[in-house]
Amino acid sequence: GSGAEFSSAAVLTGPEKKLGINSPYCLFDAVISDPLLAQTVPLSNKIFTAIDCYLHAYEAFIGRLTNKYG
């Protein structure tokens, strides 16, 4: 639902913290995406995905970068 399979980023979760990878080597040569599969997802998961997408969009437009590149 989030489109993460189309991204060059990946998140690894460990016992103490999350680590991110952003590399062109993470991209696939091809992706098969079937939007009909979303019809079987429980409503609560759809709601949580929508909230997550909204918050990421809000952060991208309103948030301030907190790293040395910002």
N, C-alpha and C. Protein backbone atom coordinates (compact mmCIF):
# COMPACT_ATOMS: atom_id res chain seq x y z
N GLY A 1 0.78 -1.20 0.00
CA GLY A 1 0.00 0.00 0.00
C GLY A 1 0.82 1.26 0.00
N SER A 2 2.05 1.22 0.53
CA SER A 2 2.84 2.46 0.64
C SER A 2 3.71 2.72 -0.57
N GLY A 3 3.91 1.74 -1.42
CA GLY A 3 4.78 1.91 -2.58
C GLY A 3 6.25 1.72 -2.27
N ALA A 4 6.57 1.19 -1.10
CA ALA A 4 7.97 1.03 -0.69
C ALA A 4 8.74 0.13 -1.65
N GLU A 5 8.05 -0.75 -2.34
CA GLU A 5 8.74 -1.66 -3.26
C GLU A 5 9.30 -0.93 -4.48
N PHE A 6 8.91 0.30 -4.68
CA PHE A 6 9.39 1.10 -5.81
C PHE A 6 10.53 2.04 -5.40
N SER A 7 10.95 1.98 -4.17
CA SER A 7 11.92 2.93 -3.62
C SER A 7 13.32 2.34 -3.56
N SER A 8 14.32 3.22 -3.52
CA SER A 8 15.70 2.77 -3.35
C SER A 8 16.09 2.71 -1.88
N ALA A 9 15.15 2.94 -0.99
CA ALA A 9 15.42 2.95 0.44
C ALA A 9 14.90 1.68 1.11
N ALA A 10 15.59 1.27 2.16
CA ALA A 10 15.17 0.12 2.95
C ALA A 10 15.43 0.44 4.42
N VAL A 11 14.61 -0.10 5.31
CA VAL A 11 14.78 0.09 6.74
C VAL A 11 15.00 -1.27 7.37
N LEU A 12 16.05 -1.36 8.17
CA LEU A 12 16.36 -2.58 8.89
C LEU A 12 16.07 -2.33 10.36
N THR A 13 15.31 -3.21 10.98
CA THR A 13 15.02 -3.05 12.40
C THR A 13 15.83 -4.05 13.19
N GLY A 14 16.46 -3.56 14.21
CA GLY A 14 17.27 -4.40 15.08
C GLY A 14 16.71 -4.38 16.48
N PRO A 15 17.37 -5.04 17.41
CA PRO A 15 16.86 -5.10 18.77
C PRO A 15 16.92 -3.75 19.50
N GLU A 16 17.78 -2.85 19.04
CA GLU A 16 17.94 -1.58 19.75
C GLU A 16 17.55 -0.36 18.93
N LYS A 17 17.71 -0.39 17.59
CA LYS A 17 17.36 0.77 16.78
C LYS A 17 17.12 0.38 15.33
N LYS A 18 16.55 1.33 14.60
CA LYS A 18 16.33 1.16 13.16
C LYS A 18 17.52 1.73 12.40
N LEU A 19 17.87 1.11 11.31
CA LEU A 19 18.92 1.60 10.44
C LEU A 19 18.37 1.71 9.03
N GLY A 20 18.78 2.74 8.30
CA GLY A 20 18.29 2.94 6.95
C GLY A 20 19.36 2.74 5.91
N ILE A 21 18.95 2.26 4.77
CA ILE A 21 19.83 2.09 3.62
C ILE A 21 19.17 2.83 2.46
N ASN A 22 19.95 3.62 1.75
CA ASN A 22 19.44 4.27 0.55
C ASN A 22 20.50 4.10 -0.53
N SER A 23 20.23 3.22 -1.46
CA SER A 23 21.23 2.88 -2.47
C SER A 23 20.55 2.51 -3.79
N PRO A 24 21.16 2.88 -4.90
CA PRO A 24 20.60 2.46 -6.19
C PRO A 24 20.65 0.95 -6.39
N TYR A 25 21.44 0.26 -5.59
CA TYR A 25 21.52 -1.20 -5.67
C TYR A 25 20.30 -1.88 -5.05
N CYS A 26 19.46 -1.11 -4.35
CA CYS A 26 18.24 -1.66 -3.75
C CYS A 26 17.09 -1.72 -4.75
N LEU A 27 17.24 -1.08 -5.90
CA LEU A 27 16.16 -1.03 -6.88
C LEU A 27 16.05 -2.34 -7.67
N PHE A 28 14.83 -2.71 -7.98
CA PHE A 28 14.58 -3.90 -8.79
C PHE A 28 14.56 -3.52 -10.27
N ASP A 29 14.78 -4.49 -11.12
CA ASP A 29 14.67 -4.26 -12.55
C ASP A 29 13.21 -4.18 -12.98
N ALA A 30 12.34 -4.90 -12.26
CA ALA A 30 10.92 -4.89 -12.58
C ALA A 30 10.12 -5.15 -11.31
N VAL A 31 8.93 -4.56 -11.23
CA VAL A 31 8.03 -4.76 -10.10
C VAL A 31 6.64 -5.02 -10.66
N ILE A 32 5.99 -6.04 -10.13
CA ILE A 32 4.60 -6.32 -10.51
C ILE A 32 3.74 -5.86 -9.34
N SER A 33 2.91 -4.88 -9.58
CA SER A 33 2.07 -4.31 -8.54
C SER A 33 0.61 -4.53 -8.91
N ASP A 34 -0.12 -5.22 -8.05
CA ASP A 34 -1.53 -5.53 -8.30
C ASP A 34 -2.40 -4.77 -7.30
N PRO A 35 -3.02 -3.67 -7.71
CA PRO A 35 -3.84 -2.89 -6.78
C PRO A 35 -5.05 -3.65 -6.25
N LEU A 36 -5.46 -4.72 -6.91
CA LEU A 36 -6.61 -5.49 -6.43
C LEU A 36 -6.30 -6.23 -5.13
N LEU A 37 -5.01 -6.45 -4.85
CA LEU A 37 -4.65 -7.10 -3.59
C LEU A 37 -5.03 -6.25 -2.38
N ALA A 38 -5.11 -4.94 -2.56
CA ALA A 38 -5.46 -4.05 -1.46
C ALA A 38 -6.90 -4.26 -0.99
N GLN A 39 -7.72 -4.86 -1.81
CA GLN A 39 -9.12 -5.07 -1.43
C GLN A 39 -9.26 -6.05 -0.27
N THR A 40 -8.28 -6.92 -0.06
CA THR A 40 -8.38 -7.91 1.01
C THR A 40 -7.70 -7.46 2.30
N VAL A 41 -7.11 -6.27 2.30
CA VAL A 41 -6.44 -5.76 3.50
C VAL A 41 -7.49 -5.28 4.49
N PRO A 42 -7.34 -5.63 5.78
CA PRO A 42 -8.30 -5.15 6.78
C PRO A 42 -8.36 -3.62 6.83
N LEU A 43 -9.51 -3.09 7.15
CA LEU A 43 -9.73 -1.65 7.18
C LEU A 43 -8.75 -0.96 8.12
N SER A 44 -8.46 -1.55 9.27
CA SER A 44 -7.54 -0.91 10.21
C SER A 44 -6.15 -0.73 9.59
N ASN A 45 -5.69 -1.69 8.81
CA ASN A 45 -4.39 -1.55 8.15
C ASN A 45 -4.42 -0.44 7.10
N LYS A 46 -5.53 -0.32 6.39
CA LYS A 46 -5.66 0.76 5.40
C LYS A 46 -5.61 2.12 6.09
N ILE A 47 -6.25 2.23 7.24
CA ILE A 47 -6.27 3.49 7.98
C ILE A 47 -4.87 3.84 8.47
N PHE A 48 -4.16 2.86 9.05
CA PHE A 48 -2.80 3.11 9.54
C PHE A 48 -1.87 3.49 8.39
N THR A 49 -2.03 2.87 7.23
CA THR A 49 -1.21 3.20 6.06
C THR A 49 -1.51 4.62 5.60
N ALA A 50 -2.77 5.00 5.59
CA ALA A 50 -3.15 6.36 5.18
C ALA A 50 -2.57 7.40 6.15
N ILE A 51 -2.63 7.12 7.44
CA ILE A 51 -2.06 8.04 8.43
C ILE A 51 -0.56 8.16 8.24
N ASP A 52 0.11 7.03 8.01
CA ASP A 52 1.56 7.03 7.79
C ASP A 52 1.94 7.85 6.56
N CYS A 53 1.20 7.67 5.47
CA CYS A 53 1.46 8.44 4.24
C CYS A 53 1.25 9.93 4.48
N TYR A 54 0.18 10.27 5.17
CA TYR A 54 -0.10 11.67 5.47
C TYR A 54 1.03 12.29 6.30
N LEU A 55 1.46 11.59 7.34
CA LEU A 55 2.51 12.15 8.20
C LEU A 55 3.83 12.31 7.47
N HIS A 56 4.17 11.37 6.58
CA HIS A 56 5.39 11.51 5.79
C HIS A 56 5.29 12.71 4.84
N ALA A 57 4.13 12.90 4.24
CA ALA A 57 3.94 14.05 3.35
C ALA A 57 4.01 15.35 4.14
N TYR A 58 3.39 15.39 5.29
CA TYR A 58 3.42 16.57 6.15
C TYR A 58 4.86 16.89 6.55
N GLU A 59 5.59 15.87 6.95
CA GLU A 59 6.98 16.07 7.34
C GLU A 59 7.83 16.59 6.18
N ALA A 60 7.58 16.07 4.99
CA ALA A 60 8.35 16.50 3.82
C ALA A 60 8.09 17.96 3.47
N PHE A 61 6.88 18.45 3.65
CA PHE A 61 6.55 19.81 3.27
C PHE A 61 6.73 20.82 4.41
N ILE A 62 6.50 20.40 5.65
CA ILE A 62 6.50 21.34 6.76
C ILE A 62 7.74 21.17 7.65
N GLY A 63 8.22 19.96 7.79
CA GLY A 63 9.31 19.69 8.73
C GLY A 63 10.61 20.35 8.32
N ARG A 64 11.48 20.51 9.28
CA ARG A 64 12.81 21.07 9.04
C ARG A 64 13.81 19.93 9.05
N LEU A 65 14.76 20.00 8.16
CA LEU A 65 15.82 18.99 8.14
C LEU A 65 16.71 19.18 9.35
N THR A 66 17.07 18.09 9.99
CA THR A 66 17.88 18.18 11.20
C THR A 66 19.26 17.57 11.02
N ASN A 67 19.64 17.31 9.78
CA ASN A 67 20.98 16.77 9.58
C ASN A 67 21.90 17.84 9.01
N LYS A 68 23.19 17.56 8.89
CA LYS A 68 24.15 18.57 8.47
C LYS A 68 23.99 18.97 7.00
N TYR A 69 23.20 18.22 6.23
CA TYR A 69 23.00 18.53 4.82
C TYR A 69 21.84 19.49 4.61
N GLY A 70 21.01 19.71 5.64
CA GLY A 70 19.82 20.53 5.49
C GLY A 70 20.15 21.97 5.58
